[in-house]
């Protein structure tokens, strides 16, 4: 008798959990259906602006926590990196001696 009650209780708990999950999925689908392309674009724009603002604030905070000599060194190293290897995927010797694909 004790085993039957336990099995019945477990079956009820599992069925309730399945129903709750099904309702959650349906709510997300309804929200997505109600969202228009204009509101989605607006939301994306707001998210980009928020992320950019957060990035700029953290960058400013990081810069302000450095002393003058460190800031100068960081700026110097950034300019050196831009001059030498900014956007280059391979070292110069690999770029020079790379086999070019034959265009057909």
PDB file of N, CA and C in Angstrom:
ATOM      1  N   UNK A   1       0.826  -1.200   0.000  1.00  0.00           N
ATOM      2  CA  UNK A   1       0.000   0.000   0.000  1.00  0.00           C
ATOM      3  C   UNK A   1       0.871   1.266   0.000  1.00  0.00           C
ATOM      4  N   UNK A   2       1.939   1.239   0.769  1.00  0.00           N
ATOM      5  CA  UNK A   2       2.832   2.392   0.855  1.00  0.00           C
ATOM      6  C   UNK A   2       3.493   2.634  -0.497  1.00  0.00           C
ATOM      7  N   UNK A   3       3.871   1.595  -1.195  1.00  0.00           N
ATOM      8  CA  UNK A   3       4.507   1.713  -2.511  1.00  0.00           C
ATOM      9  C   UNK A   3       3.516   2.288  -3.524  1.00  0.00           C
ATOM     10  N   UNK A   4       2.259   1.886  -3.465  1.00  0.00           N
ATOM     11  CA  UNK A   4       1.248   2.386  -4.395  1.00  0.00           C
ATOM     12  C   UNK A   4       1.037   3.878  -4.195  1.00  0.00           C
ATOM     13  N   UNK A   5       0.983   4.337  -2.933  1.00  0.00           N
ATOM     14  CA  UNK A   5       0.808   5.773  -2.670  1.00  0.00           C
ATOM     15  C   UNK A   5       2.017   6.566  -3.179  1.00  0.00           C
ATOM     16  N   UNK A   6       3.210   6.014  -2.984  1.00  0.00           N
ATOM     17  CA  UNK A   6       4.423   6.700  -3.426  1.00  0.00           C
ATOM     18  C   UNK A   6       4.447   6.812  -4.949  1.00  0.00           C
ATOM     19  N   UNK A   7       4.094   5.742  -5.636  1.00  0.00           N
ATOM     20  CA  UNK A   7       4.046   5.771  -7.090  1.00  0.00           C
ATOM     21  C   UNK A   7       2.986   6.740  -7.606  1.00  0.00           C
ATOM     22  N   UNK A   8       1.834   6.787  -6.954  1.00  0.00           N
ATOM     23  CA  UNK A   8       0.786   7.714  -7.350  1.00  0.00           C
ATOM     24  C   UNK A   8       1.237   9.161  -7.157  1.00  0.00           C
ATOM     25  N   UNK A   9       1.890   9.427  -6.031  1.00  0.00           N
ATOM     26  CA  UNK A   9       2.392  10.767  -5.754  1.00  0.00           C
ATOM     27  C   UNK A   9       3.453  11.169  -6.785  1.00  0.00           C
ATOM     28  N   UNK A  10       4.354  10.263  -7.125  1.00  0.00           N
ATOM     29  CA  UNK A  10       5.402  10.548  -8.109  1.00  0.00           C
ATOM     30  C   UNK A  10       4.792  10.816  -9.486  1.00  0.00           C
ATOM     31  N   UNK A  11       3.787  10.037  -9.870  1.00  0.00           N
ATOM     32  CA  UNK A  11       3.134  10.233 -11.160  1.00  0.00           C
ATOM     33  C   UNK A  11       2.446  11.592 -11.222  1.00  0.00           C
ATOM     34  N   UNK A  12       1.808  12.017 -10.160  1.00  0.00           N
ATOM     35  CA  UNK A  12       1.153  13.324 -10.119  1.00  0.00           C
ATOM     36  C   UNK A  12       2.179  14.450 -10.226  1.00  0.00           C
ATOM     37  N   UNK A  13       3.302  14.320  -9.535  1.00  0.00           N
ATOM     38  CA  UNK A  13       4.343  15.356  -9.586  1.00  0.00           C
ATOM     39  C   UNK A  13       4.918  15.477 -10.993  1.00  0.00           C
ATOM     40  N   UNK A  14       5.159  14.359 -11.637  1.00  0.00           N
ATOM     41  CA  UNK A  14       5.722  14.385 -12.992  1.00  0.00           C
ATOM     42  C   UNK A  14       4.732  14.997 -13.977  1.00  0.00           C
ATOM     43  N   UNK A  15       3.461  14.673 -13.855  1.00  0.00           N
ATOM     44  CA  UNK A  15       2.479  15.214 -14.782  1.00  0.00           C
ATOM     45  C   UNK A  15       2.321  16.724 -14.598  1.00  0.00           C
ATOM     46  N   UNK A  16       2.394  17.195 -13.368  1.00  0.00           N
ATOM     47  CA  UNK A  16       2.310  18.639 -13.121  1.00  0.00           C
ATOM     48  C   UNK A  16       3.520  19.352 -13.713  1.00  0.00           C
ATOM     49  N   UNK A  17       4.692  18.769 -13.577  1.00  0.00           N
ATOM     50  CA  UNK A  17       5.905  19.385 -14.106  1.00  0.00           C
ATOM     51  C   UNK A  17       5.849  19.478 -15.629  1.00  0.00           C
ATOM     52  N   UNK A  18       5.317  18.465 -16.278  1.00  0.00           N
ATOM     53  CA  UNK A  18       5.203  18.472 -17.738  1.00  0.00           C
ATOM     54  C   UNK A  18       4.233  19.558 -18.178  1.00  0.00           C
ATOM     55  N   UNK A  19       3.132  19.725 -17.467  1.00  0.00           N
ATOM     56  CA  UNK A  19       2.157  20.751 -17.825  1.00  0.00           C
ATOM     57  C   UNK A  19       2.749  22.144 -17.651  1.00  0.00           C
ATOM     58  N   UNK A  20       3.516  22.362 -16.610  1.00  0.00           N
ATOM     59  CA  UNK A  20       4.119  23.667 -16.373  1.00  0.00           C
ATOM     60  C   UNK A  20       5.113  23.996 -17.480  1.00  0.00           C
ATOM     61  N   UNK A  21       5.919  23.031 -17.890  1.00  0.00           N
ATOM     62  CA  UNK A  21       6.872  23.271 -18.964  1.00  0.00           C
ATOM     63  C   UNK A  21       6.163  23.581 -20.275  1.00  0.00           C
ATOM     64  N   UNK A  22       5.083  22.906 -20.548  1.00  0.00           N
ATOM     65  CA  UNK A  22       4.333  23.151 -21.780  1.00  0.00           C
ATOM     66  C   UNK A  22       3.754  24.563 -21.778  1.00  0.00           C
ATOM     67  N   UNK A  23       3.280  25.033 -20.645  1.00  0.00           N
ATOM     68  CA  UNK A  23       2.723  26.380 -20.567  1.00  0.00           C
ATOM     69  C   UNK A  23       3.809  27.428 -20.772  1.00  0.00           C
ATOM     70  N   UNK A  24       4.988  27.214 -20.238  1.00  0.00           N
ATOM     71  CA  UNK A  24       6.069  28.175 -20.409  1.00  0.00           C
ATOM     72  C   UNK A  24       6.445  28.320 -21.880  1.00  0.00           C
ATOM     73  N   UNK A  25       6.544  27.224 -22.577  1.00  0.00           N
ATOM     74  CA  UNK A  25       6.904  27.286 -23.996  1.00  0.00           C
ATOM     75  C   UNK A  25       5.847  28.037 -24.792  1.00  0.00           C
ATOM     76  N   UNK A  26       4.611  27.822 -24.471  1.00  0.00           N
ATOM     77  CA  UNK A  26       3.531  28.478 -25.185  1.00  0.00           C
ATOM     78  C   UNK A  26       3.582  29.992 -24.936  1.00  0.00           C
ATOM     79  N   UNK A  27       3.897  30.426 -23.712  1.00  0.00           N
ATOM     80  CA  UNK A  27       3.986  31.846 -23.421  1.00  0.00           C
ATOM     81  C   UNK A  27       5.091  32.507 -24.234  1.00  0.00           C
ATOM     82  N   UNK A  28       6.230  31.851 -24.378  1.00  0.00           N
ATOM     83  CA  UNK A  28       7.318  32.410 -25.169  1.00  0.00           C
ATOM     84  C   UNK A  28       6.921  32.539 -26.634  1.00  0.00           C
ATOM     85  N   UNK A  29       6.200  31.548 -27.131  1.00  0.00           N
ATOM     86  CA  UNK A  29       5.760  31.607 -28.525  1.00  0.00           C
ATOM     87  C   UNK A  29       4.785  32.753 -28.727  1.00  0.00           C
ATOM     88  N   UNK A  30       3.885  32.974 -27.762  1.00  0.00           N
ATOM     89  CA  UNK A  30       2.931  34.070 -27.875  1.00  0.00           C
ATOM     90  C   UNK A  30       3.645  35.411 -27.842  1.00  0.00           C
ATOM     91  N   UNK A  31       4.656  35.542 -26.973  1.00  0.00           N
ATOM     92  CA  UNK A  31       5.401  36.797 -26.914  1.00  0.00           C
ATOM     93  C   UNK A  31       6.137  37.056 -28.224  1.00  0.00           C
ATOM     94  N   UNK A  32       6.720  36.019 -28.792  1.00  0.00           N
ATOM     95  CA  UNK A  32       7.440  36.182 -30.054  1.00  0.00           C
ATOM     96  C   UNK A  32       6.472  36.547 -31.176  1.00  0.00           C
ATOM     97  N   UNK A  33       5.263  36.002 -31.149  1.00  0.00           N
ATOM     98  CA  UNK A  33       4.282  36.306 -32.184  1.00  0.00           C
ATOM     99  C   UNK A  33       3.790  37.749 -32.057  1.00  0.00           C
ATOM    100  N   UNK A  34       3.719  38.270 -30.849  1.00  0.00           N
ATOM    101  CA  UNK A  34       3.233  39.632 -30.640  1.00  0.00           C
ATOM    102  C   UNK A  34       4.295  40.673 -30.971  1.00  0.00           C
ATOM    103  N   UNK A  35       5.553  40.280 -31.008  1.00  0.00           N
ATOM    104  CA  UNK A  35       6.623  41.215 -31.282  1.00  0.00           C
ATOM    105  C   UNK A  35       6.679  41.519 -32.781  1.00  0.00           C
ATOM    106  N   UNK A  36       6.645  42.809 -33.107  1.00  0.00           N
ATOM    107  CA  UNK A  36       6.702  43.221 -34.507  1.00  0.00           C
ATOM    108  C   UNK A  36       8.155  43.465 -34.909  1.00  0.00           C
ATOM    109  N   UNK A  37       8.441  43.494 -36.192  1.00  0.00           N
ATOM    110  CA  UNK A  37       9.816  43.771 -36.627  1.00  0.00           C
ATOM    111  C   UNK A  37      10.316  45.137 -36.152  1.00  0.00           C
ATOM    112  N   UNK A  38       9.410  46.115 -36.103  1.00  0.00           N
ATOM    113  CA  UNK A  38       9.812  47.448 -35.653  1.00  0.00           C
ATOM    114  C   UNK A  38      10.205  47.420 -34.185  1.00  0.00           C
ATOM    115  N   UNK A  39       9.404  46.722 -33.361  1.00  0.00           N
ATOM    116  CA  UNK A  39       9.726  46.669 -31.932  1.00  0.00           C
ATOM    117  C   UNK A  39      10.985  45.843 -31.698  1.00  0.00           C
ATOM    118  N   UNK A  40      11.205  44.827 -32.522  1.00  0.00           N
ATOM    119  CA  UNK A  40      12.422  44.024 -32.393  1.00  0.00           C
ATOM    120  C   UNK A  40      13.645  44.864 -32.753  1.00  0.00           C
ATOM    121  N   UNK A  41      13.536  45.666 -33.798  1.00  0.00           N
ATOM    122  CA  UNK A  41      14.647  46.531 -34.194  1.00  0.00           C
ATOM    123  C   UNK A  41      14.929  47.571 -33.116  1.00  0.00           C
ATOM    124  N   UNK A  42      13.859  48.121 -32.543  1.00  0.00           N
ATOM    125  CA  UNK A  42      14.019  49.103 -31.472  1.00  0.00           C
ATOM    126  C   UNK A  42      14.693  48.465 -30.263  1.00  0.00           C
ATOM    127  N   UNK A  43      14.283  47.257 -29.930  1.00  0.00           N
ATOM    128  CA  UNK A  43      14.861  46.556 -28.784  1.00  0.00           C
ATOM    129  C   UNK A  43      16.343  46.264 -29.036  1.00  0.00           C
ATOM    130  N   UNK A  44      16.685  45.837 -30.259  1.00  0.00           N
ATOM    131  CA  UNK A  44      18.078  45.582 -30.602  1.00  0.00           C
ATOM    132  C   UNK A  44      18.910  46.853 -30.496  1.00  0.00           C
ATOM    133  N   UNK A  45      18.354  47.953 -30.964  1.00  0.00           N
ATOM    134  CA  UNK A  45      19.063  49.229 -30.912  1.00  0.00           C
ATOM    135  C   UNK A  45      19.314  49.647 -29.464  1.00  0.00           C
ATOM    136  N   UNK A  46      18.303  49.496 -28.614  1.00  0.00           N
ATOM    137  CA  UNK A  46      18.460  49.842 -27.201  1.00  0.00           C
ATOM    138  C   UNK A  46      19.505  48.949 -26.534  1.00  0.00           C
ATOM    139  N   UNK A  47      19.500  47.662 -26.873  1.00  0.00           N
ATOM    140  CA  UNK A  47      20.484  46.740 -26.305  1.00  0.00           C
ATOM    141  C   UNK A  47      21.898  47.121 -26.724  1.00  0.00           C
ATOM    142  N   UNK A  48      22.069  47.466 -28.013  1.00  0.00           N
ATOM    143  CA  UNK A  48      23.391  47.869 -28.490  1.00  0.00           C
ATOM    144  C   UNK A  48      23.866  49.128 -27.786  1.00  0.00           C
ATOM    145  N   UNK A  49      22.962  50.108 -27.635  1.00  0.00           N
ATOM    146  CA  UNK A  49      23.324  51.348 -26.961  1.00  0.00           C
ATOM    147  C   UNK A  49      23.691  51.096 -25.505  1.00  0.00           C
ATOM    148  N   UNK A  50      22.931  50.215 -24.848  1.00  0.00           N
ATOM    149  CA  UNK A  50      23.202  49.907 -23.440  1.00  0.00           C
ATOM    150  C   UNK A  50      24.558  49.213 -23.296  1.00  0.00           C
ATOM    151  N   UNK A  51      24.823  48.247 -24.172  1.00  0.00           N
ATOM    152  CA  UNK A  51      26.091  47.525 -24.114  1.00  0.00           C
ATOM    153  C   UNK A  51      27.273  48.452 -24.402  1.00  0.00           C
ATOM    154  N   UNK A  52      27.107  49.335 -25.381  1.00  0.00           N
ATOM    155  CA  UNK A  52      28.168  50.280 -25.707  1.00  0.00           C
ATOM    156  C   UNK A  52      28.435  51.215 -24.523  1.00  0.00           C
ATOM    157  N   UNK A  53      27.374  51.690 -23.887  1.00  0.00           N
ATOM    158  CA  UNK A  53      27.532  52.545 -22.716  1.00  0.00           C
ATOM    159  C   UNK A  53      28.241  51.832 -21.578  1.00  0.00           C
ATOM    160  N   UNK A  54      27.865  50.580 -21.332  1.00  0.00           N
ATOM    161  CA  UNK A  54      28.529  49.802 -20.284  1.00  0.00           C
ATOM    162  C   UNK A  54      30.007  49.604 -20.609  1.00  0.00           C
ATOM    163  N   UNK A  55      30.287  49.315 -21.881  1.00  0.00           N
ATOM    164  CA  UNK A  55      31.677  49.117 -22.296  1.00  0.00           C
ATOM    165  C   UNK A  55      32.496  50.383 -22.091  1.00  0.00           C
ATOM    166  N   UNK A  56      31.933  51.513 -22.491  1.00  0.00           N
ATOM    167  CA  UNK A  56      32.665  52.773 -22.351  1.00  0.00           C
ATOM    168  C   UNK A  56      32.882  53.124 -20.881  1.00  0.00           C
ATOM    169  N   UNK A  57      31.878  52.847 -20.048  1.00  0.00           N
ATOM    170  CA  UNK A  57      32.040  53.127 -18.612  1.00  0.00           C
ATOM    171  C   UNK A  57      33.125  52.257 -17.989  1.00  0.00           C
ATOM    172  N   UNK A  58      33.143  50.975 -18.329  1.00  0.00           N
ATOM    173  CA  UNK A  58      34.172  50.099 -17.760  1.00  0.00           C
ATOM    174  C   UNK A  58      35.553  50.452 -18.299  1.00  0.00           C
ATOM    175  N   UNK A  59      35.622  50.869 -19.557  1.00  0.00           N
ATOM    176  CA  UNK A  59      36.906  51.274 -20.127  1.00  0.00           C
ATOM    177  C   UNK A  59      37.424  52.538 -19.431  1.00  0.00           C
ATOM    178  N   UNK A  60      36.520  53.479 -19.199  1.00  0.00           N
ATOM    179  CA  UNK A  60      36.903  54.714 -18.519  1.00  0.00           C
ATOM    180  C   UNK A  60      37.345  54.424 -17.081  1.00  0.00           C
ATOM    181  N   UNK A  61      36.641  53.520 -16.416  1.00  0.00           N
ATOM    182  CA  UNK A  61      36.999  53.147 -15.043  1.00  0.00           C
ATOM    183  C   UNK A  61      38.364  52.482 -15.004  1.00  0.00           C
ATOM    184  N   UNK A  62      38.616  51.613 -15.976  1.00  0.00           N
ATOM    185  CA  UNK A  62      39.908  50.926 -16.047  1.00  0.00           C
ATOM    186  C   UNK A  62      41.030  51.932 -16.291  1.00  0.00           C
ATOM    187  N   UNK A  63      40.804  52.877 -17.199  1.00  0.00           N
ATOM    188  CA  UNK A  63      41.819  53.891 -17.496  1.00  0.00           C
ATOM    189  C   UNK A  63      42.093  54.764 -16.277  1.00  0.00           C
ATOM    190  N   UNK A  64      41.033  55.132 -15.552  1.00  0.00           N
ATOM    191  CA  UNK A  64      41.220  56.022 -14.405  1.00  0.00           C
ATOM    192  C   UNK A  64      41.929  55.319 -13.252  1.00  0.00           C
ATOM    193  N   UNK A  65      41.861  53.999 -13.199  1.00  0.00           N
ATOM    194  CA  UNK A  65      42.526  53.282 -12.116  1.00  0.00           C
ATOM    195  C   UNK A  65      44.028  53.134 -12.365  1.00  0.00           C
ATOM    196  N   UNK A  66      44.501  53.468 -13.569  1.00  0.00           N
ATOM    197  CA  UNK A  66      45.931  53.380 -13.879  1.00  0.00           C
ATOM    198  C   UNK A  66      46.592  54.729 -13.589  1.00  0.00           C
ATOM    199  N   UNK A  67      47.872  54.688 -13.257  1.00  0.00           N
ATOM    200  CA  UNK A  67      48.591  55.947 -13.061  1.00  0.00           C
ATOM    201  C   UNK A  67      49.059  56.469 -14.432  1.00  0.00           C
ATOM    202  N   UNK A  68      49.662  57.648 -14.433  1.00  0.00           N
ATOM    203  CA  UNK A  68      50.025  58.297 -15.692  1.00  0.00           C
ATOM    204  C   UNK A  68      51.046  57.491 -16.496  1.00  0.00           C
ATOM    205  N   UNK A  69      52.046  56.938 -15.819  1.00  0.00           N
ATOM    206  CA  UNK A  69      53.081  56.183 -16.530  1.00  0.00           C
ATOM    207  C   UNK A  69      52.476  54.932 -17.185  1.00  0.00           C
ATOM    208  N   UNK A  70      51.569  54.285 -16.493  1.00  0.00           N
ATOM    209  CA  UNK A  70      50.938  53.082 -17.035  1.00  0.00           C
ATOM    210  C   UNK A  70      50.078  53.432 -18.233  1.00  0.00           C
ATOM    211  N   UNK A  71      49.305  54.527 -18.141  1.00  0.00           N
ATOM    212  CA  UNK A  71      48.473  54.946 -19.266  1.00  0.00           C
ATOM    213  C   UNK A  71      49.315  55.265 -20.491  1.00  0.00           C
ATOM    214  N   UNK A  72      50.439  55.934 -20.264  1.00  0.00           N
ATOM    215  CA  UNK A  72      51.335  56.282 -21.369  1.00  0.00           C
ATOM    216  C   UNK A  72      51.904  55.017 -22.009  1.00  0.00           C
ATOM    217  N   UNK A  73      52.301  54.054 -21.195  1.00  0.00           N
ATOM    218  CA  UNK A  73      52.840  52.803 -21.707  1.00  0.00           C
ATOM    219  C   UNK A  73      51.777  52.026 -22.492  1.00  0.00           C
ATOM    220  N   UNK A  74      50.545  52.006 -21.981  1.00  0.00           N
ATOM    221  CA  UNK A  74      49.455  51.310 -22.668  1.00  0.00           C
ATOM    222  C   UNK A  74      49.180  51.952 -24.024  1.00  0.00           C
ATOM    223  N   UNK A  75      49.170  53.270 -24.067  1.00  0.00           N
ATOM    224  CA  UNK A  75      48.921  53.982 -25.321  1.00  0.00           C
ATOM    225  C   UNK A  75      50.035  53.716 -26.326  1.00  0.00           C
ATOM    226  N   UNK A  76      51.273  53.715 -25.852  1.00  0.00           N
ATOM    227  CA  UNK A  76      52.424  53.460 -26.710  1.00  0.00           C
ATOM    228  C   UNK A  76      52.360  52.048 -27.291  1.00  0.00           C
ATOM    229  N   UNK A  77      52.036  51.074 -26.453  1.00  0.00           N
ATOM    230  CA  UNK A  77      51.961  49.694 -26.922  1.00  0.00           C
ATOM    231  C   UNK A  77      50.810  49.487 -27.898  1.00  0.00           C
ATOM    232  N   UNK A  78      49.691  50.165 -27.686  1.00  0.00           N
ATOM    233  CA  UNK A  78      48.566  50.061 -28.606  1.00  0.00           C
ATOM    234  C   UNK A  78      48.929  50.618 -29.974  1.00  0.00           C
ATOM    235  N   UNK A  79      49.587  51.762 -30.002  1.00  0.00           N
ATOM    236  CA  UNK A  79      49.991  52.348 -31.280  1.00  0.00           C
ATOM    237  C   UNK A  79      51.000  51.463 -32.001  1.00  0.00           C
ATOM    238  N   UNK A  80      51.911  50.863 -31.236  1.00  0.00           N
ATOM    239  CA  UNK A  80      52.891  49.964 -31.838  1.00  0.00           C
ATOM    240  C   UNK A  80      52.195  48.742 -32.439  1.00  0.00           C
ATOM    241  N   UNK A  81      51.218  48.208 -31.731  1.00  0.00           N
ATOM    242  CA  UNK A  81      50.480  47.049 -32.226  1.00  0.00           C
ATOM    243  C   UNK A  81      49.697  47.405 -33.485  1.00  0.00           C
ATOM    244  N   UNK A  82      49.104  48.590 -33.511  1.00  0.00           N
ATOM    245  CA  UNK A  82      48.364  49.027 -34.692  1.00  0.00           C
ATOM    246  C   UNK A  82      49.296  49.155 -35.895  1.00  0.00           C
ATOM    247  N   UNK A  83      50.484  49.664 -35.671  1.00  0.00           N
ATOM    248  CA  UNK A  83      51.437  49.848 -36.768  1.00  0.00           C
ATOM    249  C   UNK A  83      51.933  48.523 -37.316  1.00  0.00           C
ATOM    250  N   UNK A  84      52.211  47.580 -36.440  1.00  0.00           N
ATOM    251  CA  UNK A  84      52.893  46.363 -36.872  1.00  0.00           C
ATOM    252  C   UNK A  84      51.960  45.232 -37.265  1.00  0.00           C
ATOM    253  N   UNK A  85      50.925  44.993 -36.480  1.00  0.00           N
ATOM    254  CA  UNK A  85      50.182  43.757 -36.757  1.00  0.00           C
ATOM    255  C   UNK A  85      48.672  43.909 -36.653  1.00  0.00           C
ATOM    256  N   UNK A  86      48.174  45.096 -36.797  1.00  0.00           N
ATOM    257  CA  UNK A  86      46.740  45.296 -36.647  1.00  0.00           C
ATOM    258  C   UNK A  86      46.009  44.692 -37.841  1.00  0.00           C
ATOM    259  N   UNK A  87      45.218  43.663 -37.620  1.00  0.00           N
ATOM    260  CA  UNK A  87      44.424  43.056 -38.670  1.00  0.00           C
ATOM    261  C   UNK A  87      45.160  42.047 -39.525  1.00  0.00           C
ATOM    262  N   UNK A  88      46.383  41.747 -39.186  1.00  0.00           N
ATOM    263  CA  UNK A  88      47.136  40.762 -39.962  1.00  0.00           C
ATOM    264  C   UNK A  88      46.981  39.410 -39.276  1.00  0.00           C
ATOM    265  N   UNK A  89      46.597  38.403 -40.050  1.00  0.00           N
ATOM    266  CA  UNK A  89      46.318  37.108 -39.456  1.00  0.00           C
ATOM    267  C   UNK A  89      47.552  36.223 -39.364  1.00  0.00           C
ATOM    268  N   UNK A  90      48.564  36.464 -40.162  1.00  0.00           N
ATOM    269  CA  UNK A  90      49.750  35.608 -40.171  1.00  0.00           C
ATOM    270  C   UNK A  90      50.999  36.488 -40.194  1.00  0.00           C
ATOM    271  N   UNK A  91      52.124  35.971 -39.712  1.00  0.00           N
ATOM    272  CA  UNK A  91      53.368  36.747 -39.768  1.00  0.00           C
ATOM    273  C   UNK A  91      53.802  36.989 -41.216  1.00  0.00           C
ATOM    274  N   UNK A  92      54.697  37.951 -41.392  1.00  0.00           N
ATOM    275  CA  UNK A  92      55.087  38.366 -42.746  1.00  0.00           C
ATOM    276  C   UNK A  92      55.685  37.230 -43.560  1.00  0.00           C
ATOM    277  N   UNK A  93      56.495  36.354 -42.908  1.00  0.00           N
ATOM    278  CA  UNK A  93      57.134  35.288 -43.676  1.00  0.00           C
ATOM    279  C   UNK A  93      56.123  34.250 -44.157  1.00  0.00           C
ATOM    280  N   UNK A  94      55.047  34.060 -43.425  1.00  0.00           N
ATOM    281  CA  UNK A  94      54.011  33.141 -43.892  1.00  0.00           C
ATOM    282  C   UNK A  94      53.197  33.778 -45.012  1.00  0.00           C
ATOM    283  N   UNK A  95      52.972  35.080 -44.946  1.00  0.00           N
ATOM    284  CA  UNK A  95      52.231  35.748 -46.009  1.00  0.00           C
ATOM    285  C   UNK A  95      53.036  35.796 -47.293  1.00  0.00           C
ATOM    286  N   UNK A  96      54.348  35.985 -47.206  1.00  0.00           N
ATOM    287  CA  UNK A  96      55.203  36.068 -48.393  1.00  0.00           C
ATOM    288  C   UNK A  96      55.292  34.747 -49.134  1.00  0.00           C
ATOM    289  N   UNK A  97      55.421  33.652 -48.382  1.00  0.00           N
ATOM    290  CA  UNK A  97      55.684  32.363 -48.999  1.00  0.00           C
ATOM    291  C   UNK A  97      54.472  31.449 -49.026  1.00  0.00           C
ATOM    292  N   UNK A  98      53.325  32.025 -48.928  1.00  0.00           N
ATOM    293  CA  UNK A  98      52.082  31.247 -48.992  1.00  0.00           C
ATOM    294  C   UNK A  98      51.798  30.827 -50.421  1.00  0.00           C
ATOM    295  N   UNK A  99      51.313  29.619 -50.579  1.00  0.00           N
ATOM    296  CA  UNK A  99      50.934  29.154 -51.910  1.00  0.00           C
ATOM    297  C   UNK A  99      49.604  29.781 -52.278  1.00  0.00           C
ATOM    298  N   UNK A 100      49.580  30.467 -53.388  1.00  0.00           N
ATOM    299  CA  UNK A 100      48.326  31.087 -53.834  1.00  0.00           C
ATOM    300  C   UNK A 100      47.489  30.063 -54.572  1.00  0.00           C
ATOM    301  N   UNK A 101      46.191  30.163 -54.367  1.00  0.00           N
ATOM    302  CA  UNK A 101      45.292  29.265 -55.075  1.00  0.00           C
ATOM    303  C   UNK A 101      45.207  29.694 -56.535  1.00  0.00           C
ATOM    304  N   UNK A 102      45.182  28.707 -57.421  1.00  0.00           N
ATOM    305  CA  UNK A 102      45.077  28.988 -58.857  1.00  0.00           C
ATOM    306  C   UNK A 102      43.637  29.346 -59.173  1.00  0.00           C
ATOM    307  N   UNK A 103      43.454  30.490 -59.769  1.00  0.00           N
ATOM    308  CA  UNK A 103      42.112  30.933 -60.127  1.00  0.00           C
ATOM    309  C   UNK A 103      41.724  30.291 -61.448  1.00  0.00           C
ATOM    310  N   UNK A 104      40.557  29.669 -61.456  1.00  0.00           N
ATOM    311  CA  UNK A 104      40.121  29.029 -62.698  1.00  0.00           C
ATOM    312  C   UNK A 104      38.790  29.546 -63.151  1.00  0.00           C
TER     313      UNK A 104
END
